Amino acid sequence: MALQRYTTSVDGSIPVQALLYNDEELLANQDGVGIYDGSQKSPEHQNGTVSVTTHRLFYIDSRREIRNSFTLDLSFITQTEYYAGLFKSSAKVTLHLSGNPTESGPSEQGVPLAQFDSWECEVCAYRNPPGLSPAAARVCGLCGVPRSAIPAPAPVHLSSSLPSSSSTSLAASSSIHNRTEVPCSACTFLNHPYLRSCEICGTELPQPRGEFKSAPSSRPLTPDPDEDGAATKMMKISFRKGGDKPFYAALKRSLKGKAWEVQVALTSTNNATNAVGMSGISGILRTVESSAQGRENNMKDALQDLEALMVKAKDMVKLAAELNEKLTAAASSAVSTATEPEEATFIRSSLSQLGLQMSNAPVTLDMMTDERKWHEELARELARVLQGLSGSNNGMMKERGIIALDEVWGGWNRARGVALIPPSTFLQVIPHLHACTEPTIRHRAFGSGLNVLHTPPYTNAAFAARLSSYLAMGGPKTTIEIATEEDLTVGLVTEMIDEVESDGGICRDDSSAAITGGGSGTGVEIRWWGNLFVGYVWDGQE
């Protein structure tokens, strides 16, 4: 029957995408289908999913994925018919099959060699990868020379009782495999017997005459028993859940493209002109040049798209800024409304994702003629990011009076969208920041390397005075207690306390650790005291 002759079993538990050749593409699939073997239903293939690719047709059974799933090469399909269905009859696609399944490609015990092995070209020594379709695996992917035939079996000693026609045929077949290099008539270079032109100078090589002619058969071939049975070379696909029209369109498109014949046409031995210029060193050089030219063309197209986007970018930013201003004006005029409309919220969120949530567009160098003015404008922009607009408190600092420098840099770049500021430029902007902020924001670096921006209450002198008052009124305190009072992180407070201690404003007390007998490694917290000896003269030294 047709399913036994033209199909090959596959493991349906593996996704179809993993079963494809490297040069094969999945076009469409449809579930809820049944298969007719000839004009009769196939009992084991009545509920599954059918998929069509550029090379094959897959059927994956829903119940027995491993046992009943199969694939059919599209090269066997000679004609298709479509039936739209009527009343309770499902839509069907009829596939008329033809050809000899044993001649579909090189195989070994029914397993295609092209899908599992890699091979080295005898002309250019290129290692062709596995996983290609049988048609693509017949030729070298670099130079286009056909793959060598499977080695011939050991020579058989002919018996004298064989007919003379058989002896002649076997001798001709043996001479094909024993062909030697072909000398070029121009440069005398010995070329591979499969080449049509010289590998060195490109001169067309002389072809042996009569070498490929085999003796006529001594008797006619055995007729095909299914040659007259049209039903035995037919298969139907029944669509029980619809989807027949899109699937049939994809099938017709794949059959019309004939992707499985593209490589074969390039190496057909009946048309030698197709192989001229595609083999040898000249073929390799031409392949490399075409690949480089293709990459260059793709790069030019990509750069042209980028240039066009850059031209339109300013218009997009301007339009987004105008839209943002209109939304702000509309929101301020409708103060009585509890919430703004859903459309306005969606537009604002879209602008925020584009990095255009700021009232003004990000400042870039091309807007300024002087680099110093650019840094000053960037400082004003950074001031708005840190403290918000005048009269508002929606900046990064908000209630915070001190913030790490890396956090400021990351938040500023997120606000700028695609116009990012490098760290070197950020460090050049910080000295101009104090002139643009109210209260003044300044930069401070600790001994450990931590850099922060802070307001006046977090200078070293202000924090030392505040810390001394804590200790004078409440007695000794630990670092965690001081961090709780300041509402800062423990790590940042530790840095600030170390600077106050180095100036002599406070003293550390680890006597509780010594009393417990553990010393500094017992895990007992250190307490801080105010320095009562500040201002006293001791041995002539203050």
Protein backbone atom coordinates (compact mmCIF):
# COMPACT_ATOMS: atom_id res chain seq x y z
CA MET A 1 0.00 0.00 0.00
CA ALA A 2 0.98 3.67 -0.33
CA LEU A 3 1.82 4.19 3.34
CA GLN A 4 4.14 1.20 3.41
CA ARG A 5 5.95 2.08 0.19
CA TYR A 6 6.33 5.88 0.33
CA THR A 7 6.47 6.80 4.02
CA THR A 8 9.19 6.52 6.66
CA SER A 9 8.54 6.06 10.39
CA VAL A 10 9.63 8.84 12.74
CA ASP A 11 9.61 9.32 16.49
CA GLY A 12 6.55 11.48 17.07
CA SER A 13 7.50 12.22 20.68
CA ILE A 14 10.19 14.59 19.32
CA PRO A 15 8.92 18.03 18.18
CA VAL A 16 8.70 18.43 14.42
CA GLN A 17 11.12 21.37 14.54
CA ALA A 18 13.82 19.04 15.87
CA LEU A 19 13.25 16.56 13.01
CA LEU A 20 13.82 19.08 10.21
CA TYR A 21 16.89 19.24 8.00
CA ASN A 22 19.15 22.26 8.37
CA ASP A 23 17.89 23.62 5.05
CA GLU A 24 14.25 22.70 5.70
CA GLU A 25 11.54 25.11 6.88
CA LEU A 26 8.21 24.40 8.58
CA LEU A 27 5.32 26.04 6.68
CA ALA A 28 2.03 24.95 8.30
CA ASN A 29 0.45 22.34 10.57
CA GLN A 30 -3.08 21.23 11.44
CA ASP A 31 -4.38 18.92 14.14
CA GLY A 32 -7.45 16.67 14.14
CA VAL A 33 -6.72 14.93 10.84
CA GLY A 34 -7.04 11.35 9.63
CA ILE A 35 -5.20 9.46 6.88
CA TYR A 36 -6.64 7.36 4.04
CA ASP A 37 -4.35 4.67 2.65
CA GLY A 38 -5.58 4.64 -0.91
CA SER A 39 -9.36 4.88 -0.83
CA GLN A 40 -9.73 3.22 2.59
CA LYS A 41 -9.19 4.67 6.05
CA SER A 42 -5.99 3.67 7.77
CA PRO A 43 -7.14 2.39 11.19
CA GLU A 44 -3.93 3.39 12.95
CA HIS A 45 -3.82 6.95 11.59
CA GLN A 46 -7.18 8.53 12.41
CA ASN A 47 -6.26 11.14 15.02
CA GLY A 48 -3.12 13.16 14.62
CA THR A 49 -1.40 16.34 13.47
CA VAL A 50 -0.12 16.86 9.95
CA SER A 51 2.68 19.34 9.14
CA VAL A 52 4.05 20.44 5.78
CA THR A 53 7.59 21.71 5.23
CA THR A 54 9.59 22.72 2.20
CA HIS A 55 10.73 19.11 1.73
CA ARG A 56 8.39 16.70 3.55
CA LEU A 57 4.96 15.98 4.99
CA PHE A 58 4.81 14.88 8.65
CA TYR A 59 2.03 12.99 10.40
CA ILE A 60 2.30 12.80 14.21
CA ASP A 61 -0.22 10.46 15.78
CA SER A 62 -1.91 11.67 18.97
CA ARG A 63 -2.22 8.26 20.66
CA ARG A 64 0.82 6.29 19.55
CA GLU A 65 3.40 8.94 18.74
CA ILE A 66 6.35 6.61 18.29
CA ARG A 67 4.70 3.71 16.48
CA ASN A 68 2.24 5.37 14.06
CA SER A 69 3.98 8.65 13.14
CA PHE A 70 5.55 8.92 9.68
CA THR A 71 6.97 11.33 7.11
CA LEU A 72 6.45 11.54 3.34
CA ASP A 73 8.87 13.19 0.88
CA LEU A 74 7.09 15.78 -1.26
CA SER A 75 9.14 14.65 -4.25
CA PHE A 76 6.83 11.60 -4.53
CA ILE A 77 3.71 13.78 -5.00
CA THR A 78 2.82 14.23 -8.68
CA GLN A 79 -0.70 15.62 -8.36
CA THR A 80 -3.06 16.92 -5.68
CA GLU A 81 -6.83 17.19 -5.46
CA TYR A 82 -8.95 19.20 -3.02
CA TYR A 83 -12.45 18.25 -1.80
CA ALA A 84 -14.23 20.89 0.30
CA GLY A 85 -16.55 18.42 2.02
CA LEU A 86 -20.34 18.14 2.03
CA PHE A 87 -22.73 17.79 4.98
CA LYS A 88 -21.06 15.27 7.31
CA SER A 89 -18.17 14.55 4.95
CA SER A 90 -14.93 16.21 6.03
CA ALA A 91 -12.70 18.19 3.70
CA LYS A 92 -9.99 16.08 2.10
CA VAL A 93 -6.74 16.56 0.21
CA THR A 94 -5.77 13.74 -2.14
CA LEU A 95 -2.10 13.10 -2.89
CA HIS A 96 -1.19 11.08 -5.99
CA LEU A 97 2.21 9.45 -5.58
CA SER A 98 4.76 8.25 -8.09
CA GLY A 99 8.43 7.27 -8.25
CA ASN A 100 10.67 4.66 -6.69
CA PRO A 101 11.16 5.19 -2.91
CA THR A 102 14.54 3.40 -3.02
CA GLU A 103 15.97 6.15 -5.28
CA SER A 104 15.11 9.10 -3.03
CA GLY A 105 18.73 9.55 -1.90
CA PRO A 106 21.79 7.80 -0.51
CA SER A 107 20.79 5.52 2.35
CA GLU A 108 22.05 2.65 4.38
CA GLN A 109 19.53 0.09 5.65
CA GLY A 110 16.69 2.57 5.08
CA VAL A 111 18.29 5.44 7.05
CA PRO A 112 19.27 8.51 5.00
CA LEU A 113 22.97 9.12 5.20
CA ALA A 114 22.58 12.84 4.60
CA GLN A 115 20.87 13.40 7.93
CA PHE A 116 23.44 11.70 10.15
CA ASP A 117 26.94 11.86 8.68
CA SER A 118 29.38 14.55 7.62
CA TRP A 119 31.72 14.09 4.69
CA GLU A 120 34.87 15.69 3.33
CA CYS A 121 35.03 16.92 -0.24
CA GLU A 122 37.79 15.25 -2.26
CA VAL A 123 38.43 18.44 -4.27
CA CYS A 124 38.50 21.31 -1.74
CA ALA A 125 38.76 19.25 1.50
CA TYR A 126 35.77 21.13 2.95
CA ARG A 127 34.07 19.27 5.80
CA ASN A 128 30.38 19.34 4.97
CA PRO A 129 28.18 19.34 8.09
CA PRO A 130 25.52 16.71 8.77
CA GLY A 131 21.80 17.40 8.93
CA LEU A 132 21.23 18.53 5.33
CA SER A 133 18.49 17.27 3.06
CA PRO A 134 19.43 14.45 0.66
CA ALA A 135 19.53 16.82 -2.32
CA ALA A 136 21.80 19.33 -0.58
CA ALA A 137 24.05 16.57 0.77
CA ARG A 138 24.88 15.30 -2.73
CA VAL A 139 27.12 18.27 -3.52
CA CYS A 140 29.85 20.12 -1.62
CA GLY A 141 28.56 23.25 0.07
CA LEU A 142 31.76 25.18 -0.76
CA CYS A 143 32.89 24.22 -4.25
CA GLY A 144 29.77 22.53 -5.65
CA VAL A 145 31.48 19.29 -6.69
CA PRO A 146 29.19 16.22 -6.43
CA ARG A 147 29.76 13.90 -3.55
CA SER A 148 31.76 10.77 -4.38
CA ALA A 149 29.75 7.65 -4.95
CA ILE A 150 29.59 4.92 -2.36
CA PRO A 151 32.70 2.74 -2.71
CA ALA A 152 32.17 -0.17 -5.01
CA PRO A 153 32.12 -3.67 -3.54
CA ALA A 154 35.03 -6.03 -3.91
CA PRO A 155 35.54 -7.24 -7.49
CA VAL A 156 33.68 -10.42 -8.30
CA HIS A 157 35.29 -13.04 -10.51
CA LEU A 158 32.93 -13.67 -13.36
CA SER A 159 31.97 -17.11 -14.33
CA SER A 160 32.38 -18.23 -17.91
CA SER A 161 28.72 -19.24 -17.99
CA LEU A 162 27.47 -15.67 -17.66
CA PRO A 163 26.09 -14.05 -20.79
CA SER A 164 28.38 -11.71 -22.63
CA SER A 165 26.02 -8.76 -22.12
CA SER A 166 26.29 -9.08 -18.33
CA SER A 167 30.08 -9.25 -18.52
CA THR A 168 30.19 -6.12 -20.62
CA SER A 169 27.90 -4.24 -18.21
CA LEU A 170 29.97 -5.17 -15.14
CA ALA A 171 33.19 -4.23 -16.91
CA ALA A 172 31.78 -0.82 -17.79
CA SER A 173 30.64 -0.31 -14.20
CA SER A 174 34.09 -1.27 -12.93
CA SER A 175 35.77 1.15 -15.30
CA ILE A 176 33.68 4.00 -13.89
CA HIS A 177 35.05 3.47 -10.39
CA ASN A 178 38.60 3.06 -11.69
CA ARG A 179 38.75 6.40 -13.45
CA THR A 180 41.96 8.34 -12.96
CA GLU A 181 42.70 12.06 -13.01
CA VAL A 182 41.94 13.94 -16.22
CA PRO A 183 44.89 15.98 -17.62
CA CYS A 184 44.16 19.52 -18.76
CA SER A 185 44.89 20.14 -22.45
CA ALA A 186 46.23 23.65 -21.68
CA CYS A 187 48.30 23.39 -18.48
CA THR A 188 48.56 19.56 -18.15
CA PHE A 189 47.29 19.72 -14.54
CA LEU A 190 45.75 16.44 -13.35
CA ASN A 191 42.16 17.19 -12.34
CA HIS A 192 39.62 15.18 -10.40
CA PRO A 193 37.49 13.02 -12.72
CA TYR A 194 34.25 14.73 -11.56
CA LEU A 195 35.39 18.22 -12.62
CA ARG A 196 34.08 19.75 -15.85
CA SER A 197 36.73 22.48 -16.06
CA CYS A 198 40.39 22.71 -15.04
CA GLU A 199 40.95 23.61 -11.41
CA ILE A 200 43.97 25.80 -12.29
CA CYS A 201 43.24 27.58 -15.55
CA GLY A 202 39.49 26.95 -16.02
CA THR A 203 39.85 25.27 -19.43
CA GLU A 204 37.05 22.82 -20.21
CA LEU A 205 38.26 19.25 -19.69
CA PRO A 206 37.83 16.52 -22.28
CA GLN A 207 35.24 13.96 -21.27
CA PRO A 208 35.83 10.25 -21.87
CA ARG A 209 33.74 8.89 -24.67
CA GLY A 210 31.66 5.82 -24.24
CA GLU A 211 32.83 5.24 -20.69
CA PHE A 212 29.42 5.80 -19.12
CA LYS A 213 27.56 3.77 -21.72
CA SER A 214 26.37 0.49 -20.33
CA ALA A 215 25.41 -2.53 -22.34
CA PRO A 216 21.74 -2.98 -23.13
CA SER A 217 19.81 -5.13 -20.76
CA SER A 218 19.62 -8.78 -21.77
CA ARG A 219 15.99 -8.96 -20.72
CA PRO A 220 13.19 -6.54 -19.89
CA LEU A 221 12.76 -5.39 -16.31
CA THR A 222 10.17 -6.98 -14.08
CA PRO A 223 6.95 -4.92 -14.31
CA ASP A 224 5.76 -3.05 -11.22
CA PRO A 225 2.87 -5.03 -9.72
CA ASP A 226 1.19 -1.79 -8.56
CA GLU A 227 1.67 0.05 -11.82
CA ASP A 228 -1.93 -0.32 -12.90
CA GLY A 229 -3.43 0.16 -9.43
CA ALA A 230 -4.03 3.88 -9.00
CA ALA A 231 -5.49 3.36 -5.51
CA THR A 232 -2.21 1.87 -4.28
CA LYS A 233 -0.38 5.12 -5.17
CA MET A 234 -2.77 7.53 -3.51
CA MET A 235 -3.13 8.94 -0.01
CA LYS A 236 -5.81 11.22 1.43
CA ILE A 237 -5.72 13.65 4.35
CA SER A 238 -9.09 14.17 6.06
CA PHE A 239 -9.52 17.42 8.04
CA ARG A 240 -12.02 16.86 10.88
CA LYS A 241 -11.43 20.21 12.65
CA GLY A 242 -11.08 22.55 9.68
CA GLY A 243 -7.93 24.34 8.61
CA ASP A 244 -7.90 22.57 5.26
CA LYS A 245 -7.68 25.67 3.04
CA PRO A 246 -4.62 27.30 4.67
CA PHE A 247 -2.87 23.94 4.85
CA TYR A 248 -3.61 23.12 1.22
CA ALA A 249 -2.33 26.55 0.15
CA ALA A 250 0.93 25.95 2.02
CA LEU A 251 1.22 22.49 0.46
CA LYS A 252 0.73 23.84 -3.05
CA ARG A 253 3.29 26.58 -2.41
CA SER A 254 5.84 24.03 -1.21
CA LEU A 255 5.21 21.72 -4.19
CA LYS A 256 5.61 24.64 -6.57
CA GLY A 257 8.89 25.72 -4.98
CA LYS A 258 10.49 22.24 -5.24
CA ALA A 259 13.20 23.00 -2.72
CA TRP A 260 14.43 19.43 -2.90
CA GLU A 261 15.46 19.89 -6.58
CA VAL A 262 17.45 23.13 -6.26
CA GLN A 263 20.81 21.51 -5.51
CA VAL A 264 20.23 18.65 -7.92
CA ALA A 265 19.75 21.04 -10.81
CA LEU A 266 23.15 22.59 -10.17
CA THR A 267 24.96 19.27 -10.50
CA SER A 268 22.99 17.47 -13.18
CA THR A 269 25.33 15.40 -15.30
CA ASN A 270 23.07 15.85 -18.32
CA ASN A 271 23.69 19.61 -18.35
CA ALA A 272 27.40 20.22 -17.88
CA THR A 273 27.14 23.97 -18.34
CA ASN A 274 25.43 24.29 -14.94
CA ALA A 275 28.57 23.03 -13.21
CA VAL A 276 31.07 25.19 -15.11
CA GLY A 277 32.50 27.85 -12.81
CA MET A 278 31.05 26.23 -9.67
CA SER A 279 33.88 23.80 -8.96
CA GLY A 280 37.56 23.88 -8.08
CA ILE A 281 39.51 26.86 -6.75
CA SER A 282 37.62 29.33 -8.94
CA GLY A 283 34.34 28.05 -7.48
CA ILE A 284 35.63 28.47 -3.94
CA LEU A 285 36.81 32.02 -4.63
CA ARG A 286 33.50 32.86 -6.28
CA THR A 287 31.59 31.50 -3.29
CA VAL A 288 33.68 33.55 -0.86
CA GLU A 289 33.27 36.69 -2.96
CA SER A 290 29.50 36.25 -3.21
CA SER A 291 29.24 35.70 0.55
CA ALA A 292 31.30 38.82 1.27
CA GLN A 293 29.24 40.84 -1.20
CA GLY A 294 26.02 39.62 0.43
CA ARG A 295 27.23 40.62 3.89
CA GLU A 296 28.27 44.04 2.60
CA ASN A 297 24.87 44.61 0.99
CA ASN A 298 23.08 43.60 4.18
CA MET A 299 25.27 45.96 6.20
CA LYS A 300 24.55 48.84 3.83
CA ASP A 301 20.81 48.20 4.07
CA ALA A 302 21.01 48.11 7.88
CA LEU A 303 22.97 51.38 8.01
CA GLN A 304 20.51 53.04 5.65
CA ASP A 305 17.65 52.05 7.94
CA LEU A 306 19.58 53.42 10.93
CA GLU A 307 20.26 56.73 9.17
CA ALA A 308 16.60 57.06 8.28
CA LEU A 309 15.65 56.37 11.90
CA MET A 310 18.11 59.02 13.12
CA VAL A 311 16.58 61.58 10.74
CA LYS A 312 13.11 60.86 12.13
CA ALA A 313 14.28 60.63 15.74
CA LYS A 314 14.29 64.40 16.32
CA ASP A 315 10.78 64.70 14.90
CA MET A 316 9.60 61.87 17.15
CA VAL A 317 11.15 63.51 20.23
CA LYS A 318 9.60 66.87 19.36
CA LEU A 319 6.18 65.32 18.79
CA ALA A 320 6.41 63.37 22.06
CA ALA A 321 7.40 66.54 23.97
CA GLU A 322 4.43 68.45 22.55
CA LEU A 323 2.12 65.58 23.42
CA ASN A 324 3.49 65.46 26.95
CA GLU A 325 2.94 69.21 27.38
CA LYS A 326 -0.65 68.93 26.16
CA LEU A 327 -1.34 66.11 28.62
CA THR A 328 0.17 68.16 31.45
CA ALA A 329 -1.96 71.18 30.55
CA ALA A 330 -5.08 69.03 30.33
CA ALA A 331 -4.34 67.45 33.71
CA SER A 332 -3.78 70.84 35.37
CA SER A 333 -7.04 72.25 33.97
CA ALA A 334 -9.04 69.25 35.25
CA VAL A 335 -7.91 69.41 38.85
CA SER A 336 -11.31 68.36 40.14
CA THR A 337 -11.05 65.00 38.40
CA ALA A 338 -9.80 62.30 40.75
CA THR A 339 -7.96 60.33 38.11
CA GLU A 340 -6.85 61.15 34.59
CA PRO A 341 -8.40 59.28 31.62
CA GLU A 342 -7.16 55.84 30.70
CA GLU A 343 -5.89 57.09 27.32
CA ALA A 344 -3.72 59.72 29.01
CA THR A 345 -2.29 57.13 31.38
CA PHE A 346 -1.44 54.84 28.46
CA ILE A 347 0.27 57.65 26.54
CA ARG A 348 2.29 58.70 29.58
CA SER A 349 3.43 55.13 30.19
CA SER A 350 4.47 54.81 26.54
CA LEU A 351 6.47 58.03 26.76
CA SER A 352 8.08 56.79 29.95
CA GLN A 353 9.18 53.57 28.24
CA LEU A 354 10.76 55.69 25.49
CA GLY A 355 12.62 57.74 28.09
CA LEU A 356 10.58 60.91 27.40
CA GLN A 357 8.87 61.35 30.74
CA MET A 358 10.87 64.54 31.45
CA SER A 359 9.27 67.86 30.62
CA ASN A 360 12.19 68.82 28.39
CA ALA A 361 14.10 66.72 25.89
CA PRO A 362 17.52 65.41 27.04
CA VAL A 363 20.41 67.77 26.43
CA THR A 364 22.92 66.52 23.84
CA LEU A 365 26.26 67.88 22.68
CA ASP A 366 24.99 68.84 19.23
CA MET A 367 22.64 71.35 20.88
CA MET A 368 25.57 73.33 22.32
CA THR A 369 28.51 75.08 20.70
CA ASP A 370 30.71 75.07 23.81
CA GLU A 371 31.57 72.01 25.91
CA ARG A 372 31.49 74.03 29.15
CA LYS A 373 27.95 75.20 28.40
CA TRP A 374 27.01 71.60 27.69
CA HIS A 375 28.26 70.58 31.14
CA GLU A 376 26.33 73.42 32.74
CA GLU A 377 23.13 72.40 30.95
CA LEU A 378 23.70 68.82 32.01
CA ALA A 379 24.12 70.01 35.61
CA ARG A 380 20.76 71.83 35.43
CA GLU A 381 19.16 68.69 34.00
CA LEU A 382 20.70 66.53 36.73
CA ALA A 383 19.43 69.01 39.35
CA ARG A 384 15.87 68.51 38.07
CA VAL A 385 16.35 64.74 38.24
CA LEU A 386 17.59 64.94 41.84
CA GLN A 387 15.24 67.60 43.26
CA GLY A 388 12.37 67.65 40.77
CA LEU A 389 10.78 70.74 39.28
CA SER A 390 10.45 73.93 41.30
CA GLY A 391 7.75 73.58 43.94
CA SER A 392 7.61 69.78 43.69
CA ASN A 393 9.32 67.01 45.57
CA ASN A 394 9.38 64.22 43.00
CA GLY A 395 13.15 63.97 42.46
CA MET A 396 15.43 61.05 43.26
CA MET A 397 16.41 62.48 46.64
CA LYS A 398 12.89 63.35 47.81
CA GLU A 399 13.19 63.07 51.61
CA ARG A 400 16.71 61.70 51.39
CA GLY A 401 19.63 64.02 51.97
CA ILE A 402 22.40 61.70 50.77
CA ILE A 403 22.57 59.24 47.89
CA ALA A 404 25.28 57.08 46.34
CA LEU A 405 26.87 58.25 43.11
CA ASP A 406 26.24 55.04 41.16
CA GLU A 407 22.53 55.21 41.96
CA VAL A 408 22.38 58.79 40.69
CA TRP A 409 24.16 57.86 37.44
CA GLY A 410 21.83 54.92 36.76
CA GLY A 411 18.66 56.91 37.50
CA TRP A 412 19.77 59.82 35.33
CA ASN A 413 20.47 57.55 32.35
CA ARG A 414 17.08 55.87 32.75
CA ALA A 415 15.46 59.31 32.65
CA ARG A 416 17.40 60.30 29.51
CA GLY A 417 16.22 57.27 27.52
CA VAL A 418 18.62 56.53 24.64
CA ALA A 419 20.84 59.64 25.09
CA LEU A 420 23.10 58.00 27.68
CA ILE A 421 25.81 59.81 29.66
CA PRO A 422 29.16 58.01 30.17
CA PRO A 423 30.75 57.98 33.66
CA SER A 424 33.57 60.33 32.56
CA THR A 425 31.07 63.02 31.51
CA PHE A 426 29.07 62.44 34.70
CA LEU A 427 32.15 63.16 36.83
CA GLN A 428 32.76 66.38 34.86
CA VAL A 429 29.19 67.56 35.51
CA ILE A 430 29.30 67.07 39.32
CA PRO A 431 31.49 70.20 40.06
CA HIS A 432 28.80 72.39 38.39
CA LEU A 433 25.96 70.85 40.37
CA HIS A 434 26.19 73.06 43.48
CA ALA A 435 25.38 76.19 41.44
CA CYS A 436 22.14 74.68 40.11
CA THR A 437 20.62 73.17 43.28
CA GLU A 438 18.75 74.64 46.22
CA PRO A 439 19.57 73.47 48.87
CA THR A 440 23.09 72.96 47.60
CA ILE A 441 24.10 69.44 46.66
CA ARG A 442 27.80 68.59 46.85
CA HIS A 443 30.03 65.62 46.24
CA ARG A 444 31.73 63.70 49.06
CA ALA A 445 34.23 60.82 48.90
CA PHE A 446 34.95 58.48 51.84
CA GLY A 447 38.19 56.70 52.61
CA SER A 448 36.88 53.34 51.42
CA GLY A 449 36.18 54.75 47.93
CA LEU A 450 32.43 55.31 48.37
CA ASN A 451 31.23 58.49 46.60
CA VAL A 452 27.95 60.23 47.45
CA LEU A 453 25.98 63.38 46.73
CA HIS A 454 24.59 65.11 49.83
CA THR A 455 22.79 68.19 51.10
CA PRO A 456 24.25 70.50 53.82
CA PRO A 457 22.88 68.49 56.81
CA TYR A 458 25.15 65.59 55.80
CA THR A 459 28.49 67.35 55.72
CA ASN A 460 31.16 66.01 58.05
CA ALA A 461 30.83 68.92 60.51
CA ALA A 462 27.02 68.83 60.60
CA PHE A 463 26.91 65.08 61.16
CA ALA A 464 29.62 65.25 63.85
CA ALA A 465 27.68 67.91 65.77
CA ARG A 466 24.46 65.94 65.48
CA LEU A 467 26.19 62.74 66.58
CA SER A 468 27.76 64.44 69.62
CA SER A 469 24.32 65.64 70.71
CA TYR A 470 22.96 62.09 70.38
CA LEU A 471 25.71 60.72 72.60
CA ALA A 472 25.53 63.56 75.14
CA MET A 473 21.78 63.23 75.62
CA GLY A 474 21.32 59.47 75.33
CA GLY A 475 24.65 58.03 76.36
CA PRO A 476 26.71 55.56 74.35
CA LYS A 477 25.12 54.13 71.19
CA THR A 478 25.91 51.37 68.73
CA THR A 479 26.26 51.85 64.99
CA ILE A 480 22.85 50.30 64.35
CA GLU A 481 21.19 52.67 66.83
CA ILE A 482 22.83 55.67 65.15
CA ALA A 483 21.72 54.39 61.71
CA THR A 484 18.16 54.12 63.04
CA GLU A 485 18.27 57.70 64.29
CA GLU A 486 19.60 58.96 60.95
CA ASP A 487 17.33 56.69 58.84
CA LEU A 488 20.32 55.61 56.75
CA THR A 489 21.94 52.31 55.88
CA VAL A 490 24.40 50.76 58.33
CA GLY A 491 27.21 50.74 55.76
CA LEU A 492 26.85 54.45 54.99
CA VAL A 493 26.64 55.38 58.69
CA THR A 494 29.78 53.33 59.39
CA GLU A 495 31.69 55.37 56.78
CA MET A 496 30.48 58.63 58.29
CA ILE A 497 31.31 57.55 61.89
CA ASP A 498 34.84 56.52 60.86
CA GLU A 499 35.54 60.03 59.57
CA VAL A 500 34.20 61.61 62.78
CA GLU A 501 36.37 59.25 64.84
CA SER A 502 39.48 60.10 62.80
CA ASP A 503 38.87 63.80 63.57
CA GLY A 504 38.69 63.00 67.31
CA GLY A 505 35.03 63.84 67.78
CA ILE A 506 34.02 60.46 69.29
CA CYS A 507 35.63 57.45 70.92
CA ARG A 508 34.90 53.77 70.53
CA ASP A 509 34.19 51.52 73.52
CA ASP A 510 34.98 47.82 73.18
CA SER A 511 35.28 47.22 76.98
CA SER A 512 32.11 45.11 76.97
CA ALA A 513 33.79 42.72 74.54
CA ALA A 514 36.89 42.59 76.73
CA ILE A 515 34.81 41.88 79.86
CA THR A 516 33.16 38.92 78.19
CA GLY A 517 36.65 37.66 77.43
CA GLY A 518 36.27 37.57 73.66
CA GLY A 519 38.02 40.69 72.45
CA SER A 520 37.18 42.20 69.10
CA GLY A 521 36.27 38.89 67.49
CA THR A 522 33.45 37.86 69.80
CA GLY A 523 30.73 39.58 67.79
CA VAL A 524 29.84 42.07 70.58
CA GLU A 525 28.87 45.46 69.10
CA ILE A 526 31.10 48.45 69.66
CA ARG A 527 29.59 51.44 71.46
CA TRP A 528 30.42 55.03 70.70
CA TRP A 529 31.02 57.77 73.30
CA GLY A 530 31.49 61.47 72.97
CA ASN A 531 35.11 62.63 73.34
CA LEU A 532 35.16 64.51 76.66
CA PHE A 533 38.82 65.47 76.31
CA VAL A 534 38.36 67.73 73.32
CA GLY A 535 39.83 71.16 74.14
CA TYR A 536 41.95 69.96 77.08
CA VAL A 537 45.76 70.36 77.19
CA TRP A 538 47.58 67.15 77.98
CA ASP A 539 51.37 67.25 78.51
CA GLY A 540 51.60 70.43 76.58
CA GLN A 541 49.61 69.08 73.66
CA GLU A 542 45.97 69.72 72.90
